[in-house]
Amino acid sequence: MGEMIQKPDANPILLGALNFLILGGLGYFLMGQKKKAIVSWVAVVLLYTVGWLCIIGPFIGFVLILATSYDAYLLGQKLQAGESIGENENAIEFLNKIFKD
């Protein structure tokens, strides 16, 4: 298991908005979840570029951006409350299939 992250000055709204605006990853990066940020960026870019071949790829990419934004918001709330989160911790259960330890 990785290191625990503590950031009591985290702003959940800002983290969620940054994940939404910057391909689902900047909020994670600022929280300290760098591996999740990189995996999210790669997944979204692939879904938007190569995903056009199967037409539904961009839709899945947008859903992933929405999910990571909400996940960053929920994790930001935990951080703001003074709790610790793991490097790959997810607040949304189905993201555990994408971001594994």
Protein backbone atom coordinates (compact mmCIF):
# COMPACT_ATOMS: atom_id res chain seq x y z
CA MET A 1 0.00 0.00 0.00
CA GLY A 2 1.24 3.48 -0.87
CA GLU A 3 1.66 6.57 1.20
CA MET A 4 -1.28 8.34 2.77
CA ILE A 5 -2.03 11.87 1.57
CA GLN A 6 -3.13 14.67 3.90
CA LYS A 7 -4.14 18.11 2.61
CA PRO A 8 -6.54 19.85 5.00
CA ASP A 9 -6.45 22.96 2.80
CA ALA A 10 -7.92 21.06 -0.19
CA ASN A 11 -10.80 22.73 -2.03
CA PRO A 12 -13.16 19.97 -3.25
CA ILE A 13 -14.94 22.21 -5.78
CA LEU A 14 -11.65 23.33 -7.33
CA LEU A 15 -10.32 19.76 -7.49
CA GLY A 16 -13.48 18.50 -9.19
CA ALA A 17 -13.55 21.43 -11.62
CA LEU A 18 -9.90 20.93 -12.56
CA ASN A 19 -10.52 17.25 -13.23
CA PHE A 20 -13.45 18.20 -15.45
CA LEU A 21 -11.61 20.91 -17.38
CA ILE A 22 -8.21 19.22 -17.79
CA LEU A 23 -9.10 15.75 -19.12
CA GLY A 24 -9.99 14.19 -15.80
CA GLY A 25 -6.61 14.43 -14.10
CA LEU A 26 -5.31 17.79 -12.84
CA GLY A 27 -7.30 17.58 -9.60
CA TYR A 28 -5.76 14.19 -8.88
CA PHE A 29 -2.30 15.56 -9.62
CA LEU A 30 -2.76 18.46 -7.18
CA MET A 31 -4.05 16.07 -4.51
CA GLY A 32 -0.91 13.97 -4.83
CA GLN A 33 -2.49 11.08 -6.74
CA LYS A 34 -0.05 11.37 -9.63
CA LYS A 35 -0.44 7.81 -10.93
CA LYS A 36 -4.22 8.23 -11.12
CA ALA A 37 -3.78 11.54 -12.95
CA ILE A 38 -1.54 10.00 -15.60
CA VAL A 39 -3.77 6.94 -16.10
CA SER A 40 -6.81 9.19 -16.37
CA TRP A 41 -5.17 11.46 -18.94
CA VAL A 42 -4.01 8.52 -21.05
CA ALA A 43 -7.43 6.83 -20.92
CA VAL A 44 -9.33 9.97 -21.88
CA VAL A 45 -6.93 10.88 -24.71
CA LEU A 46 -7.11 7.34 -26.11
CA LEU A 47 -10.90 7.30 -25.89
CA TYR A 48 -11.14 10.65 -27.68
CA THR A 49 -8.60 9.85 -30.41
CA VAL A 50 -8.71 6.14 -31.14
CA GLY A 51 -12.24 5.88 -29.74
CA TRP A 52 -13.69 7.58 -32.82
CA LEU A 53 -13.21 4.30 -34.63
CA CYS A 54 -15.96 2.69 -32.58
CA ILE A 55 -18.06 5.89 -32.33
CA ILE A 56 -18.92 5.38 -28.65
CA GLY A 57 -15.35 6.07 -27.44
CA PRO A 58 -15.80 9.85 -26.98
CA PHE A 59 -19.01 9.25 -25.01
CA ILE A 60 -17.18 6.85 -22.69
CA GLY A 61 -14.36 9.39 -22.41
CA PHE A 62 -16.82 12.09 -21.34
CA VAL A 63 -18.41 9.75 -18.79
CA LEU A 64 -14.93 9.00 -17.44
CA ILE A 65 -14.25 12.74 -17.11
CA LEU A 66 -17.51 13.21 -15.20
CA ALA A 67 -16.75 10.25 -12.93
CA THR A 68 -13.19 11.40 -12.15
CA SER A 69 -14.45 14.92 -11.48
CA TYR A 70 -16.98 13.67 -8.95
CA ASP A 71 -14.38 11.31 -7.47
CA ALA A 72 -11.93 14.20 -7.03
CA TYR A 73 -14.68 16.26 -5.38
CA LEU A 74 -15.51 13.49 -2.90
CA LEU A 75 -11.84 12.83 -2.11
CA GLY A 76 -11.32 16.58 -1.71
CA GLN A 77 -14.11 16.62 0.87
CA LYS A 78 -12.33 13.87 2.82
CA LEU A 79 -9.06 15.80 2.70
CA GLN A 80 -10.76 19.03 3.75
CA ALA A 81 -12.30 17.21 6.72
CA GLY A 82 -8.79 16.30 7.88
CA GLU A 83 -8.89 12.65 6.81
CA SER A 84 -6.12 10.90 4.89
CA ILE A 85 -6.51 9.24 1.50
CA GLY A 86 -4.35 6.65 -0.24
CA GLU A 87 -2.37 7.29 -3.42
CA ASN A 88 -4.85 5.25 -5.45
CA GLU A 89 -7.94 5.56 -3.27
CA ASN A 90 -11.26 6.08 -5.03
CA ALA A 91 -14.48 7.46 -3.64
CA ILE A 92 -16.46 5.87 -6.49
CA GLU A 93 -16.34 2.08 -6.41
CA PHE A 94 -16.28 1.31 -10.15
CA LEU A 95 -13.11 3.40 -10.58
CA ASN A 96 -11.28 0.68 -8.63
CA LYS A 97 -11.38 -1.36 -11.85
CA ILE A 98 -9.38 1.36 -13.65
CA PHE A 99 -7.07 2.61 -10.90
CA LYS A 100 -5.63 -0.48 -9.22
CA ASP A 101 -2.81 -0.68 -6.68
